[in-house]
Amino acid sequence: MGALIHPFVQICLLRMKPQDLPSSSMLLALALLAHAVMGVTVAAVDLRFGQALAVGVIDTALLSGFTIALLMLQKLPERAVQTLTALAGAGSVIGFMAWPLSLWFHDAHVADATSQTMGLVLLLVLGWSLTVSAHILRHALSAPFYLGLLVSIAFFWISLEILGSLFPLGG
């Protein structure tokens, strides 16, 4: 199991690139499954299970659709498997790390005890996630880092808008 997760941890530490992963449909399927499961797990902190399940599945579908569309538009469809594997696998690792923080933040919010420190920690995790996505996308697009970051921010914002409109917190 560690050998399966290790490359994604290395990508999250910016030590590996998506092209360092094998172009494997089986690895892609496992990474997408892990991404969806972590999406459900993190969303279940604030939503009922059925809604959390939908969030995990929709978020993974959006990641897949955005990635494939971007690479098709750039005429780089041959990079789709490795890029999507890297994004989903790295997203799973970050989701795994963010899950306890989400629980901590949720519990503090319910107790009306949120702090600036909590907000800063969540902002740092978001920054890390966007940086990792930018790292992956810049390699996939053979582009400068800032372009990967702009695309990462756009993907994040669009996903947040779609998921937020479908599943408003407190609803």
Protein backbone atom coordinates (compact mmCIF):
# COMPACT_ATOMS: atom_id res chain seq x y z
CA MET A 1 0.00 0.00 0.00
CA GLY A 2 2.84 2.38 0.86
CA ALA A 3 4.38 1.83 -2.58
CA LEU A 4 1.08 2.89 -4.12
CA ILE A 5 0.76 6.06 -2.03
CA HIS A 6 4.43 7.09 -2.04
CA PRO A 7 4.46 8.64 -5.56
CA PHE A 8 1.45 10.81 -4.70
CA VAL A 9 3.09 12.00 -1.51
CA GLN A 10 6.17 12.86 -3.57
CA ILE A 11 3.99 14.83 -6.00
CA CYS A 12 2.44 16.67 -3.03
CA LEU A 13 5.97 17.55 -1.92
CA LEU A 14 6.70 18.76 -5.49
CA ARG A 15 9.44 16.12 -5.85
CA MET A 16 7.76 14.15 -8.66
CA LYS A 17 5.94 15.22 -11.80
CA PRO A 18 2.84 13.67 -13.36
CA GLN A 19 4.96 12.23 -16.17
CA ASP A 20 6.89 10.22 -13.54
CA LEU A 21 3.74 8.14 -12.96
CA PRO A 22 2.98 5.14 -15.16
CA SER A 23 0.26 5.69 -17.74
CA SER A 24 -2.01 3.05 -16.23
CA SER A 25 -5.78 2.88 -16.45
CA MET A 26 -5.79 0.74 -13.29
CA LEU A 27 -3.79 3.34 -11.33
CA LEU A 28 -6.08 6.07 -12.71
CA ALA A 29 -9.17 4.14 -11.55
CA LEU A 30 -7.69 3.68 -8.07
CA ALA A 31 -6.72 7.36 -7.84
CA LEU A 32 -10.19 8.48 -8.96
CA LEU A 33 -11.82 6.12 -6.46
CA ALA A 34 -9.58 7.41 -3.66
CA HIS A 35 -10.39 11.01 -4.69
CA ALA A 36 -14.12 10.33 -4.58
CA VAL A 37 -13.87 8.52 -1.21
CA MET A 38 -11.86 11.36 0.32
CA GLY A 39 -14.31 13.86 -1.16
CA VAL A 40 -17.17 12.01 0.53
CA THR A 41 -15.24 11.77 3.82
CA VAL A 42 -14.41 15.48 3.94
CA ALA A 43 -17.89 16.55 2.80
CA ALA A 44 -19.53 14.29 5.40
CA VAL A 45 -18.14 16.58 8.10
CA ASP A 46 -20.75 19.19 7.13
CA LEU A 47 -23.34 17.30 5.05
CA ARG A 48 -25.60 14.28 5.36
CA PHE A 49 -24.15 11.09 3.86
CA GLY A 50 -26.25 11.17 0.67
CA GLN A 51 -25.23 14.74 -0.03
CA ALA A 52 -21.59 13.98 0.84
CA LEU A 53 -21.65 11.02 -1.55
CA ALA A 54 -22.98 13.24 -4.31
CA VAL A 55 -20.33 15.89 -3.55
CA GLY A 56 -17.52 13.32 -3.74
CA VAL A 57 -18.76 11.88 -7.03
CA ILE A 58 -19.52 15.25 -8.63
CA ASP A 59 -16.21 16.75 -7.51
CA THR A 60 -14.31 13.81 -9.03
CA ALA A 61 -16.36 14.08 -12.24
CA LEU A 62 -15.62 17.82 -12.43
CA LEU A 63 -11.90 17.18 -11.91
CA SER A 64 -11.97 14.59 -14.69
CA GLY A 65 -14.00 16.71 -17.07
CA PHE A 66 -11.97 19.89 -16.53
CA THR A 67 -8.67 18.06 -16.90
CA ILE A 68 -9.63 16.19 -20.06
CA ALA A 69 -11.20 19.30 -21.62
CA LEU A 70 -8.12 21.39 -20.84
CA LEU A 71 -5.75 18.85 -22.32
CA MET A 72 -7.96 18.38 -25.40
CA LEU A 73 -8.08 22.16 -25.94
CA GLN A 74 -4.29 22.27 -25.71
CA LYS A 75 -4.04 19.30 -28.09
CA LEU A 76 -2.35 17.18 -25.42
CA PRO A 77 -4.84 14.31 -24.91
CA GLU A 78 -2.00 11.79 -24.54
CA ARG A 79 -1.19 13.37 -21.17
CA ALA A 80 -4.68 12.87 -19.74
CA VAL A 81 -4.13 9.57 -17.90
CA GLN A 82 -0.98 10.64 -16.05
CA THR A 83 -2.26 14.16 -15.35
CA LEU A 84 -5.61 13.01 -14.02
CA THR A 85 -3.95 10.24 -12.01
CA ALA A 86 -1.60 12.79 -10.45
CA LEU A 87 -4.37 15.30 -9.69
CA ALA A 88 -6.72 12.68 -8.20
CA GLY A 89 -3.99 10.89 -6.23
CA ALA A 90 -2.47 14.10 -4.86
CA GLY A 91 -5.96 15.40 -4.08
CA SER A 92 -6.61 12.22 -2.11
CA VAL A 93 -3.43 12.67 -0.07
CA ILE A 94 -4.27 16.31 0.67
CA GLY A 95 -7.88 15.37 1.46
CA PHE A 96 -6.60 12.75 3.90
CA MET A 97 -4.45 15.39 5.59
CA ALA A 98 -7.26 17.97 5.56
CA TRP A 99 -9.95 15.70 6.98
CA PRO A 100 -8.92 16.04 10.66
CA LEU A 101 -8.58 19.78 10.16
CA SER A 102 -12.10 19.87 8.74
CA LEU A 103 -13.37 18.02 11.82
CA TRP A 104 -11.53 20.45 14.10
CA PHE A 105 -12.90 23.47 12.26
CA HIS A 106 -16.44 22.05 12.16
CA ASP A 107 -16.44 21.29 15.90
CA ALA A 108 -15.08 24.75 16.69
CA HIS A 109 -17.66 26.38 14.43
CA VAL A 110 -20.50 24.48 16.09
CA ALA A 111 -19.15 25.60 19.48
CA ASP A 112 -18.77 29.14 18.12
CA ALA A 113 -15.06 28.98 18.96
CA THR A 114 -13.36 29.47 15.62
CA SER A 115 -10.11 31.38 15.66
CA GLN A 116 -7.80 33.19 13.30
CA THR A 117 -5.34 30.35 13.74
CA MET A 118 -7.88 27.87 12.39
CA GLY A 119 -8.58 30.09 9.42
CA LEU A 120 -4.87 30.43 8.75
CA VAL A 121 -4.33 26.67 8.91
CA LEU A 122 -7.17 26.06 6.45
CA LEU A 123 -5.81 28.79 4.18
CA LEU A 124 -2.38 27.13 4.25
CA VAL A 125 -3.89 23.77 3.29
CA LEU A 126 -5.78 25.43 0.44
CA GLY A 127 -2.58 27.14 -0.70
CA TRP A 128 -0.73 23.83 -0.59
CA SER A 129 -3.49 22.14 -2.60
CA LEU A 130 -3.47 24.88 -5.24
CA THR A 131 0.34 24.77 -5.41
CA VAL A 132 0.34 21.00 -5.96
CA SER A 133 -2.34 21.29 -8.66
CA ALA A 134 -0.39 24.10 -10.30
CA HIS A 135 2.76 21.96 -10.23
CA ILE A 136 0.94 19.08 -11.93
CA LEU A 137 -0.80 21.27 -14.51
CA ARG A 138 2.30 23.24 -15.44
CA HIS A 139 4.06 19.98 -16.30
CA ALA A 140 1.01 18.63 -18.13
CA LEU A 141 0.74 21.82 -20.19
CA SER A 142 4.51 22.43 -20.52
CA ALA A 143 3.77 25.92 -19.24
CA PRO A 144 5.13 28.29 -16.59
CA PHE A 145 4.09 27.75 -12.97
CA TYR A 146 1.96 30.90 -12.87
CA LEU A 147 -0.20 29.53 -15.70
CA GLY A 148 -0.67 26.25 -13.83
CA LEU A 149 -1.63 28.27 -10.76
CA LEU A 150 -4.18 30.36 -12.69
CA VAL A 151 -5.76 27.20 -14.10
CA SER A 152 -5.76 25.60 -10.62
CA ILE A 153 -7.49 28.63 -9.13
CA ALA A 154 -10.03 28.65 -11.96
CA PHE A 155 -10.74 24.91 -11.51
CA PHE A 156 -11.12 25.42 -7.75
CA TRP A 157 -13.41 28.42 -8.08
CA ILE A 158 -15.66 26.79 -10.71
CA SER A 159 -15.93 23.57 -8.66
CA LEU A 160 -16.67 25.55 -5.50
CA GLU A 161 -19.40 27.53 -7.28
CA ILE A 162 -21.02 24.42 -8.76
CA LEU A 163 -20.87 22.38 -5.56
CA GLY A 164 -21.89 25.34 -3.41
CA SER A 165 -24.95 25.97 -5.56
CA LEU A 166 -25.95 22.28 -5.47
CA PHE A 167 -25.19 21.71 -1.78
CA PRO A 168 -25.30 24.91 0.26
CA LEU A 169 -23.98 24.48 3.79
CA GLY A 170 -26.75 24.43 6.33
CA GLY A 171 -29.18 23.28 3.67
